[in-house]
N, C-alpha and C. Protein backbone atom coordinates (compact mmCIF):
# COMPACT_ATOMS: atom_id res chain seq x y z
N MET A 1 195.84 90.97 169.43
CA MET A 1 194.60 91.01 169.29
C MET A 1 193.71 90.56 170.67
N ASP A 2 192.28 90.10 170.50
CA ASP A 2 191.65 90.20 171.67
C ASP A 2 190.59 88.95 171.46
N GLY A 3 192.12 87.82 171.07
CA GLY A 3 191.40 86.59 170.85
C GLY A 3 190.19 86.41 170.09
N PHE A 4 189.92 87.38 169.07
CA PHE A 4 188.92 86.64 168.15
C PHE A 4 190.18 86.88 166.42
N GLU A 5 189.10 86.86 165.67
CA GLU A 5 190.45 87.15 164.62
C GLU A 5 188.42 86.91 163.05
N ASP A 6 189.04 88.20 162.51
CA ASP A 6 188.79 87.59 161.45
C ASP A 6 188.46 86.68 160.48
N VAL A 7 187.68 85.56 159.90
CA VAL A 7 187.43 84.74 158.41
C VAL A 7 186.10 85.40 158.34
N LEU A 8 186.48 85.12 156.26
CA LEU A 8 185.89 84.94 155.16
C LEU A 8 184.61 84.39 155.34
N ILE A 9 183.30 84.79 155.17
CA ILE A 9 182.35 84.04 155.92
C ILE A 9 181.50 83.97 154.22
N GLY A 10 181.70 84.41 152.99
CA GLY A 10 181.30 84.33 152.01
C GLY A 10 181.13 86.30 151.21
N THR A 11 180.42 86.52 149.90
CA THR A 11 180.91 86.86 149.20
C THR A 11 179.55 87.04 148.38
N ILE A 12 179.47 88.56 148.38
CA ILE A 12 178.39 89.05 147.42
C ILE A 12 177.88 89.20 146.01
N GLY A 13 177.20 88.09 145.56
CA GLY A 13 177.08 88.45 144.22
C GLY A 13 175.78 89.56 143.51
N ARG A 14 175.21 88.58 142.41
CA ARG A 14 174.20 89.90 141.99
C ARG A 14 173.19 90.65 142.65
N ALA A 15 172.37 90.97 142.44
CA ALA A 15 171.16 91.53 143.53
C ALA A 15 169.83 90.69 142.52
N HIS A 16 169.07 90.54 144.09
CA HIS A 16 168.54 89.04 143.83
C HIS A 16 166.24 90.11 143.79
N GLY A 17 166.19 90.59 142.86
CA GLY A 17 164.64 91.77 143.30
C GLY A 17 164.41 92.24 143.04
N LEU A 18 163.75 93.81 143.83
CA LEU A 18 163.98 94.81 143.18
C LEU A 18 164.44 95.31 144.96
N ARG A 19 164.16 94.24 146.22
CA ARG A 19 164.12 94.99 147.46
C ARG A 19 165.83 95.10 148.41
N GLY A 20 166.34 94.91 147.11
CA GLY A 20 168.14 94.98 148.32
C GLY A 20 169.01 93.82 148.72
N GLU A 21 167.77 92.65 148.16
CA GLU A 21 168.20 91.54 148.41
C GLU A 21 169.45 91.53 147.70
N VAL A 22 170.94 90.16 147.59
CA VAL A 22 171.40 89.87 147.37
C VAL A 22 172.39 88.69 147.44
N SER A 23 172.60 87.60 146.69
CA SER A 23 173.50 86.16 146.86
C SER A 23 174.33 86.54 146.87
N VAL A 24 174.57 85.25 147.78
CA VAL A 24 175.73 85.05 148.66
C VAL A 24 176.46 84.11 148.51
N ARG A 25 177.40 83.97 147.55
CA ARG A 25 178.86 83.36 147.45
C ARG A 25 179.30 82.17 149.28
N VAL A 26 178.94 81.72 149.01
CA VAL A 26 179.11 81.40 150.68
C VAL A 26 180.52 80.53 150.75
N ARG A 27 180.96 80.75 151.27
CA ARG A 27 182.39 80.23 152.14
C ARG A 27 182.68 80.03 153.85
N THR A 28 182.22 79.02 153.62
CA THR A 28 182.11 78.86 155.10
C THR A 28 180.90 77.87 155.24
N ASP A 29 182.01 76.38 156.46
CA ASP A 29 181.09 75.31 156.28
C ASP A 29 179.65 75.15 157.34
N ASP A 30 179.79 76.65 158.01
CA ASP A 30 178.55 76.80 159.17
C ASP A 30 177.49 77.67 158.26
N PRO A 31 177.28 78.06 157.37
CA PRO A 31 176.09 79.48 157.31
C PRO A 31 175.59 79.56 157.76
N ASP A 32 174.48 78.25 158.57
CA ASP A 32 173.47 79.32 158.81
C ASP A 32 173.84 79.28 161.25
N LEU A 33 175.20 79.67 160.73
CA LEU A 33 175.18 79.54 162.04
C LEU A 33 175.69 81.43 162.49
N ARG A 34 177.07 81.69 161.08
CA ARG A 34 177.34 82.92 160.57
C ARG A 34 175.57 83.82 159.57
N PHE A 35 175.16 83.09 159.06
CA PHE A 35 174.22 84.27 158.53
C PHE A 35 172.32 84.01 159.27
N VAL A 36 171.65 85.01 159.78
CA VAL A 36 171.30 84.43 161.23
C VAL A 36 170.46 86.48 160.85
N ALA A 37 169.26 86.49 160.85
CA ALA A 37 168.63 87.34 160.32
C ALA A 37 167.71 88.58 161.92
N GLY A 38 169.08 89.91 161.92
CA GLY A 38 169.06 90.75 162.62
C GLY A 38 170.81 90.15 163.24
N GLY A 39 170.74 89.36 163.19
CA GLY A 39 173.00 89.48 163.31
C GLY A 39 173.29 90.29 162.95
N SER A 40 174.81 90.00 162.23
CA SER A 40 175.39 91.03 161.67
C SER A 40 176.62 90.37 161.07
N VAL A 41 177.39 91.07 159.92
CA VAL A 41 178.87 90.59 159.47
C VAL A 41 179.51 92.10 159.02
N LEU A 42 180.60 92.59 158.83
CA LEU A 42 181.86 92.59 159.28
C LEU A 42 181.62 92.81 157.34
N ILE A 43 182.20 93.87 157.35
CA ILE A 43 182.11 94.14 155.63
C ILE A 43 182.69 95.46 155.56
N ASP A 44 184.63 94.88 155.47
CA ASP A 44 185.44 96.78 155.58
C ASP A 44 185.83 96.43 157.22
N GLY A 45 185.50 96.02 158.09
CA GLY A 45 185.99 96.31 159.83
C GLY A 45 184.58 96.29 160.03
N ARG A 46 184.09 96.37 159.64
CA ARG A 46 182.51 97.68 159.90
C ARG A 46 181.61 96.31 160.44
N PRO A 47 180.81 96.46 161.48
CA PRO A 47 179.45 95.45 160.81
C PRO A 47 177.97 96.42 161.02
N ARG A 48 177.43 95.29 159.57
CA ARG A 48 176.49 95.75 159.24
C ARG A 48 176.07 94.68 159.34
N GLU A 49 174.12 94.79 159.85
CA GLU A 49 173.00 94.33 159.77
C GLU A 49 172.28 93.28 159.17
N LEU A 50 171.68 92.10 159.46
CA LEU A 50 171.56 91.51 158.12
C LEU A 50 169.90 91.58 158.39
N ALA A 51 169.54 92.50 157.73
CA ALA A 51 168.31 92.81 157.95
C ALA A 51 166.56 91.16 157.11
N SER A 52 167.56 90.26 156.53
CA SER A 52 166.80 89.10 156.60
C SER A 52 167.65 88.16 155.33
N VAL A 53 167.53 86.87 156.00
CA VAL A 53 168.03 85.45 155.40
C VAL A 53 167.33 84.31 154.64
N ARG A 54 167.55 84.19 153.74
CA ARG A 54 166.85 82.91 153.20
C ARG A 54 167.93 82.26 152.43
N TRP A 55 167.06 80.75 152.21
CA TRP A 55 167.70 80.28 151.29
C TRP A 55 166.34 79.66 150.09
N HIS A 56 166.86 80.21 148.68
CA HIS A 56 166.05 80.30 147.31
C HIS A 56 166.97 79.46 146.49
N SER A 57 165.48 78.58 146.63
CA SER A 57 166.90 76.91 144.92
C SER A 57 168.18 77.05 145.29
N GLY A 58 168.83 76.46 146.49
CA GLY A 58 170.15 76.16 146.85
C GLY A 58 170.54 77.47 147.11
N THR A 59 170.72 78.21 146.81
CA THR A 59 171.25 80.23 146.94
C THR A 59 170.72 80.87 148.44
N LEU A 60 171.93 81.25 148.80
CA LEU A 60 171.26 81.48 149.81
C LEU A 60 171.59 83.55 149.54
N LEU A 61 170.55 83.67 150.21
CA LEU A 61 169.96 85.62 150.24
C LEU A 61 169.44 86.25 151.20
N ILE A 62 170.30 87.36 151.41
CA ILE A 62 170.97 87.64 152.50
C ILE A 62 169.98 89.87 152.18
N ARG A 63 169.78 90.44 153.02
CA ARG A 63 169.67 91.58 152.45
C ARG A 63 170.15 92.70 153.21
N LEU A 64 171.02 93.33 153.54
CA LEU A 64 172.03 94.37 154.33
C LEU A 64 171.23 94.88 155.23
N ALA A 65 170.76 95.82 156.52
CA ALA A 65 169.91 96.77 157.12
C ALA A 65 170.44 98.49 155.36
N GLY A 66 170.33 99.25 155.88
CA GLY A 66 170.15 100.05 154.08
C GLY A 66 170.36 100.14 153.36
N ALA A 67 170.11 98.47 152.39
CA ALA A 67 170.46 98.06 151.60
C ALA A 67 169.41 97.62 150.95
N ALA A 68 167.42 98.89 150.13
CA ALA A 68 166.37 98.74 150.44
C ALA A 68 165.89 99.14 148.76
N ASP A 69 167.25 98.68 148.21
CA ASP A 69 165.87 98.54 146.12
C ASP A 69 167.81 97.98 145.47
N ARG A 70 167.33 97.73 144.61
CA ARG A 70 168.11 97.34 143.97
C ARG A 70 169.62 97.51 143.36
N THR A 71 168.88 98.91 143.32
CA THR A 71 170.44 99.52 142.73
C THR A 71 171.16 99.31 144.41
N ALA A 72 171.09 99.85 144.96
CA ALA A 72 171.78 99.65 146.55
C ALA A 72 171.96 98.16 146.39
N ALA A 73 172.28 97.48 146.68
CA ALA A 73 172.46 96.29 146.07
C ALA A 73 173.59 95.60 145.00
N GLU A 74 173.12 96.09 144.30
CA GLU A 74 174.17 96.36 143.11
C GLU A 74 175.10 96.87 143.35
N ALA A 75 175.64 97.53 144.05
CA ALA A 75 176.63 98.68 145.21
C ALA A 75 177.02 97.49 145.37
N LEU A 76 177.15 96.43 145.80
CA LEU A 76 177.73 95.45 147.16
C LEU A 76 177.85 94.15 146.26
N ARG A 77 177.94 94.78 144.99
CA ARG A 77 178.33 93.23 144.11
C ARG A 77 179.62 92.78 144.77
N GLY A 78 180.28 92.08 144.77
CA GLY A 78 181.53 91.66 145.17
C GLY A 78 182.18 91.81 146.62
N THR A 79 181.74 92.28 147.42
CA THR A 79 182.11 93.00 148.23
C THR A 79 181.84 91.62 149.28
N ASP A 80 182.93 91.31 150.28
CA ASP A 80 183.43 90.02 151.17
C ASP A 80 183.03 90.20 151.98
N LEU A 81 182.85 89.36 153.31
CA LEU A 81 182.03 89.17 154.02
C LEU A 81 182.61 88.68 154.89
N TRP A 82 182.64 88.72 156.51
CA TRP A 82 183.40 88.85 157.29
C TRP A 82 182.74 88.83 158.71
N ALA A 83 183.59 87.28 159.54
CA ALA A 83 183.08 87.50 160.83
C ALA A 83 183.94 87.05 161.88
N ARG A 84 183.63 88.07 162.96
CA ARG A 84 184.70 87.29 164.45
C ARG A 84 184.34 86.44 165.23
N VAL A 85 185.45 85.76 164.88
CA VAL A 85 185.18 84.19 165.67
C VAL A 85 186.09 84.11 166.42
N PRO A 86 186.35 83.16 167.79
CA PRO A 86 187.21 83.06 169.21
C PRO A 86 188.26 82.92 167.80
N ALA A 87 189.38 82.50 168.56
CA ALA A 87 191.12 82.30 167.24
C ALA A 87 190.37 80.66 167.79
N ASP A 88 190.54 80.51 168.90
CA ASP A 88 190.42 79.04 169.31
C ASP A 88 189.42 78.66 169.24
N ALA A 89 188.30 78.55 168.24
CA ALA A 89 187.02 77.73 167.76
C ALA A 89 187.60 76.77 167.61
N LEU A 90 186.70 76.16 167.59
CA LEU A 90 186.64 74.76 166.92
C LEU A 90 185.75 74.22 166.22
N PRO A 91 186.05 73.47 165.07
CA PRO A 91 184.27 72.78 164.90
C PRO A 91 183.99 71.58 165.24
N ALA A 92 182.79 71.57 165.20
CA ALA A 92 181.38 70.42 166.35
C ALA A 92 182.33 69.42 165.89
N GLU A 93 182.31 69.08 164.89
CA GLU A 93 182.70 67.84 164.96
C GLU A 93 184.15 66.84 164.70
N GLU A 94 184.39 66.05 165.11
CA GLU A 94 185.53 64.77 165.41
C GLU A 94 186.54 64.68 163.91
N ASP A 95 187.57 65.15 164.40
CA ASP A 95 188.49 65.27 163.48
C ASP A 95 188.43 66.38 162.20
N ALA A 96 187.96 67.60 162.01
CA ALA A 96 187.23 68.32 161.06
C ALA A 96 188.21 69.39 161.86
N TYR A 97 188.34 70.66 161.11
CA TYR A 97 189.76 71.52 160.57
C TYR A 97 189.05 72.77 160.67
N TYR A 98 189.40 74.09 160.42
CA TYR A 98 188.98 75.05 160.40
C TYR A 98 190.33 75.07 158.78
N ASP A 99 190.24 75.71 157.78
CA ASP A 99 190.80 76.06 157.28
C ASP A 99 192.36 77.13 157.84
N ARG A 100 192.23 77.71 158.36
CA ARG A 100 192.82 78.38 159.30
C ARG A 100 193.36 78.10 159.89
N GLN A 101 193.57 77.33 160.97
CA GLN A 101 194.08 76.63 161.68
C GLN A 101 194.78 75.53 161.21
N LEU A 102 194.78 75.23 159.78
CA LEU A 102 195.68 74.30 158.91
C LEU A 102 196.39 75.06 158.21
N VAL A 103 196.51 75.63 157.84
CA VAL A 103 197.75 76.92 156.75
C VAL A 103 198.83 77.61 158.09
N GLY A 104 199.87 77.69 157.49
CA GLY A 104 201.76 77.23 158.40
C GLY A 104 201.58 76.37 159.16
N LEU A 105 200.58 74.87 159.23
CA LEU A 105 201.31 74.36 159.83
C LEU A 105 202.59 73.90 159.79
N SER A 106 203.85 72.61 159.01
CA SER A 106 204.25 72.27 159.87
C SER A 106 204.31 71.08 159.03
N VAL A 107 204.76 70.15 157.72
CA VAL A 107 204.61 68.68 157.35
C VAL A 107 205.66 68.30 157.18
N LYS A 108 205.64 67.40 158.41
CA LYS A 108 205.89 66.37 158.35
C LYS A 108 206.14 64.63 158.21
N ASP A 109 207.04 64.00 157.40
CA ASP A 109 207.05 63.41 156.30
C ASP A 109 206.87 61.78 157.49
N ALA A 110 206.59 60.22 157.40
CA ALA A 110 206.52 59.70 157.76
C ALA A 110 207.88 59.18 159.17
N ASN A 111 208.74 59.89 158.71
CA ASN A 111 210.15 59.47 159.95
C ASN A 111 209.67 61.28 161.10
N GLY A 112 209.34 61.56 160.13
CA GLY A 112 208.75 63.17 161.20
C GLY A 112 210.29 64.09 160.89
N VAL A 113 210.68 63.63 159.94
CA VAL A 113 211.24 64.88 159.36
C VAL A 113 210.40 65.81 158.72
N ARG A 114 211.15 67.28 158.87
CA ARG A 114 209.84 68.43 157.57
C ARG A 114 210.33 68.35 156.96
N VAL A 115 209.14 67.83 155.97
CA VAL A 115 209.35 68.39 154.55
C VAL A 115 208.89 69.24 154.36
N GLY A 116 208.34 70.82 154.39
CA GLY A 116 207.90 71.53 153.87
C GLY A 116 206.34 71.76 154.76
N ALA A 117 205.58 73.09 154.63
CA ALA A 117 204.78 74.03 155.13
C ALA A 117 203.33 73.73 154.50
N ILE A 118 201.83 73.33 154.74
CA ILE A 118 200.81 73.87 154.04
C ILE A 118 200.94 75.55 154.00
N SER A 119 200.49 76.06 152.51
CA SER A 119 200.37 77.22 152.45
C SER A 119 198.52 76.89 152.12
N GLU A 120 197.90 76.61 151.96
CA GLU A 120 197.16 76.75 151.27
C GLU A 120 195.95 75.49 151.26
N VAL A 121 194.53 75.03 151.06
CA VAL A 121 193.48 74.08 151.94
C VAL A 121 193.00 74.36 150.54
N ARG A 122 192.81 73.80 149.43
CA ARG A 122 192.02 73.96 148.44
C ARG A 122 190.25 72.31 148.37
N HIS A 123 189.29 73.42 148.40
CA HIS A 123 188.04 73.17 148.89
C HIS A 123 187.68 72.39 147.32
N LEU A 124 187.57 70.68 147.18
CA LEU A 124 187.40 70.24 145.95
C LEU A 124 186.58 69.73 145.04
N PRO A 125 186.00 69.47 144.49
CA PRO A 125 184.07 68.64 144.88
C PRO A 125 184.61 66.68 145.02
N ALA A 126 185.88 66.88 144.97
CA ALA A 126 186.03 65.24 145.57
C ALA A 126 186.20 64.71 146.72
N GLN A 127 187.02 65.43 146.36
CA GLN A 127 187.94 65.67 148.12
C GLN A 127 188.63 66.93 148.13
N ASP A 128 188.73 67.51 149.66
CA ASP A 128 189.24 68.72 150.55
C ASP A 128 191.51 67.77 149.95
N MET A 129 191.58 68.79 149.39
CA MET A 129 193.29 69.59 148.72
C MET A 129 194.02 70.07 150.30
N LEU A 130 195.22 69.41 151.07
CA LEU A 130 196.89 70.79 151.00
C LEU A 130 197.42 70.79 150.12
N VAL A 131 198.01 72.31 150.02
CA VAL A 131 198.79 72.40 149.36
C VAL A 131 199.69 72.96 150.65
N VAL A 132 200.59 71.70 149.79
CA VAL A 132 202.02 71.92 149.91
C VAL A 132 203.62 71.71 149.65
N ARG A 133 203.82 73.09 150.42
CA ARG A 133 205.21 73.46 149.68
C ARG A 133 206.35 72.92 150.60
N THR A 134 207.12 72.94 149.61
CA THR A 134 207.69 71.65 149.41
C THR A 134 209.32 72.78 149.35
N THR A 135 210.72 71.86 148.69
CA THR A 135 211.66 72.89 148.38
C THR A 135 211.49 72.19 147.05
N GLN A 136 211.27 71.03 146.86
CA GLN A 136 211.00 71.21 144.79
C GLN A 136 209.31 71.47 144.48
N GLY A 137 208.85 72.61 145.16
CA GLY A 137 207.70 73.65 144.56
C GLY A 137 206.23 72.86 145.62
N GLU A 138 205.40 72.74 145.27
CA GLU A 138 204.06 73.05 145.93
C GLU A 138 203.55 71.59 144.80
N ARG A 139 203.41 70.83 145.94
CA ARG A 139 202.54 69.54 146.20
C ARG A 139 200.95 69.74 147.14
N LEU A 140 200.40 68.90 146.03
CA LEU A 140 198.39 68.78 146.42
C LEU A 140 198.35 67.24 146.96
N VAL A 141 198.12 67.60 148.36
CA VAL A 141 198.37 66.43 149.69
C VAL A 141 196.78 66.16 149.66
N PRO A 142 196.09 64.84 149.79
CA PRO A 142 194.43 64.69 149.86
C PRO A 142 194.64 64.38 150.89
N PHE A 143 193.59 65.57 151.16
CA PHE A 143 193.78 65.70 153.05
C PHE A 143 192.70 64.09 153.17
N VAL A 144 193.26 63.62 153.47
CA VAL A 144 193.02 62.24 154.70
C VAL A 144 193.10 61.38 155.03
N THR A 145 192.41 60.82 156.28
CA THR A 145 193.26 60.19 157.51
C THR A 145 194.26 58.57 156.66
N ALA A 146 194.06 58.23 156.19
CA ALA A 146 195.28 57.53 155.15
C ALA A 146 196.19 57.87 154.93
N LEU A 147 196.42 59.34 154.37
CA LEU A 147 197.35 59.67 153.93
C LEU A 147 197.78 61.12 155.38
N VAL A 148 197.63 62.04 155.54
CA VAL A 148 197.01 62.60 156.32
C VAL A 148 196.78 62.31 157.42
N PRO A 149 197.73 61.01 158.80
CA PRO A 149 197.42 60.26 159.80
C PRO A 149 197.37 61.15 161.29
N VAL A 150 198.39 62.32 161.12
CA VAL A 150 198.27 63.09 162.15
C VAL A 150 198.28 64.66 161.91
N VAL A 151 197.33 64.99 162.87
CA VAL A 151 197.35 65.84 162.23
C VAL A 151 196.92 66.62 163.97
N ASP A 152 198.25 67.69 165.05
CA ASP A 152 198.57 68.20 166.08
C ASP A 152 199.03 69.21 165.60
N LEU A 153 197.32 70.47 166.30
CA LEU A 153 197.15 71.41 166.09
C LEU A 153 197.76 72.30 167.04
N ALA A 154 198.78 71.45 168.31
CA ALA A 154 199.29 71.98 169.88
C ALA A 154 200.63 71.91 169.03
N SER A 155 201.11 70.76 168.18
CA SER A 155 202.65 71.00 167.74
C SER A 155 202.83 71.99 167.09
N GLY A 156 202.23 71.79 165.61
CA GLY A 156 202.11 72.96 164.26
C GLY A 156 202.31 72.04 163.63
N PHE A 157 201.80 71.14 163.53
CA PHE A 157 203.15 69.96 162.55
C PHE A 157 201.61 68.88 162.01
N VAL A 158 201.57 68.92 160.10
CA VAL A 158 200.64 67.17 160.34
C VAL A 158 201.84 66.17 159.62
N GLN A 159 201.39 65.33 159.73
CA GLN A 159 202.75 63.87 159.26
C GLN A 159 201.77 63.20 158.07
N VAL A 160 202.71 62.96 157.05
CA VAL A 160 202.08 62.47 156.06
C VAL A 160 202.60 61.29 156.18
N ALA A 161 201.60 59.84 155.15
CA ALA A 161 202.00 58.48 155.16
C ALA A 161 203.20 58.34 154.40
N ASP A 162 204.02 57.62 154.78
CA ASP A 162 205.72 57.80 153.35
C ASP A 162 204.33 56.74 152.19
N LEU A 163 204.32 57.15 150.77
CA LEU A 163 203.94 56.88 150.26
C LEU A 163 204.95 58.15 148.47
N ILE A 164 205.62 56.75 148.47
CA ILE A 164 206.32 57.24 146.65
C ILE A 164 205.02 57.94 146.28
N GLY A 165 205.42 59.14 145.79
CA GLY A 165 204.48 60.28 144.77
C GLY A 165 204.62 61.21 145.08
N LEU A 166 203.75 60.84 146.61
CA LEU A 166 203.19 62.01 147.61
C LEU A 166 203.78 63.45 147.55
N LEU A 167 204.92 63.38 147.91
CA LEU A 167 205.71 64.79 148.45
C LEU A 167 207.10 64.72 147.28
N SER A 168 207.21 63.80 146.76
CA SER A 168 208.53 64.69 145.27
C SER A 168 208.60 63.19 144.54
N ASP A 169 208.51 63.19 143.58
CA ASP A 169 208.42 63.12 142.33
C ASP A 169 208.90 61.52 142.36
N PRO A 170 208.88 59.98 142.33
CA PRO A 170 209.71 59.25 141.89
C PRO A 170 210.80 59.26 142.43
N ASP A 171 210.52 59.70 140.58
CA ASP A 171 212.67 59.54 140.25
C ASP A 171 213.38 60.96 141.05
N GLU A 172 213.20 61.56 141.96
CA GLU A 172 213.55 62.97 142.85
C GLU A 172 214.30 61.78 144.45
N PRO A 173 215.21 62.59 144.28
CA PRO A 173 215.87 62.02 146.28
C PRO A 173 215.22 62.64 147.25
N THR A 174 215.38 61.62 147.59
CA THR A 174 213.94 61.97 149.12
C THR A 174 215.04 63.50 149.38
N PRO A 175 214.28 64.16 150.33
CA PRO A 175 215.11 65.75 150.95
C PRO A 175 215.20 65.31 152.42
N VAL A 176 216.80 65.14 152.54
CA VAL A 176 216.84 65.44 153.91
C VAL A 176 216.61 66.79 154.96
N SER A 177 216.65 67.40 154.80
CA SER A 177 216.01 68.37 155.06
C SER A 177 215.99 69.46 154.68
N ASP A 178 214.64 70.54 155.43
CA ASP A 178 214.79 72.01 154.61
C ASP A 178 214.23 73.26 155.44
N ALA A 179 215.83 72.59 155.85
CA ALA A 179 216.64 74.11 156.53
C ALA A 179 216.42 75.33 156.15
N GLY A 180 216.75 75.60 154.82
CA GLY A 180 216.53 76.88 154.53
C GLY A 180 214.83 76.94 154.31
N GLU A 181 213.65 76.82 154.13
CA GLU A 181 212.71 77.31 153.63
C GLU A 181 211.66 77.56 154.75
N GLU A 182 211.06 78.79 154.66
CA GLU A 182 210.19 79.66 156.09
C GLU A 182 209.28 78.92 155.94
N SER A 183 208.22 79.02 156.85
CA SER A 183 207.47 78.25 157.64
C SER A 183 206.73 79.71 157.42
């Protein structure tokens, strides 16, 4: 590729009003950066200009160029909105990561033994959870420093704390290796 990748930033919801505005289910941590009037988003790999962008009662409302009425807006419902971003871009905050940087990383236990891989990041109301695929199945690991003290993007792994029940049931034997698991 060209050093860029497409990331999902939102999904179009219901039409709002009669002039082509739609609500957006925001799927980015920085909507004010990704949704700018006059800027563009990708739909099916093609750029579409954002004719207007505004917040109304906590809901993001946009109007795409060419969507001038409610009928055109309704036809867009369920459409995913994407942005092309540099593949190596990092969040502005220290110790913050994009989901795309975490998914696929190996997971090591406190002794440095590979025990699985991150298959997904779930954003729950209380906190973010890493979905870790292990030989025993999926495990949810709260993504907090106390439980995930090491995130090494350059080396491609995270390390989790030594806590009984975090990656296995307390009565299961601890796996020695997962050499047969795909990453």
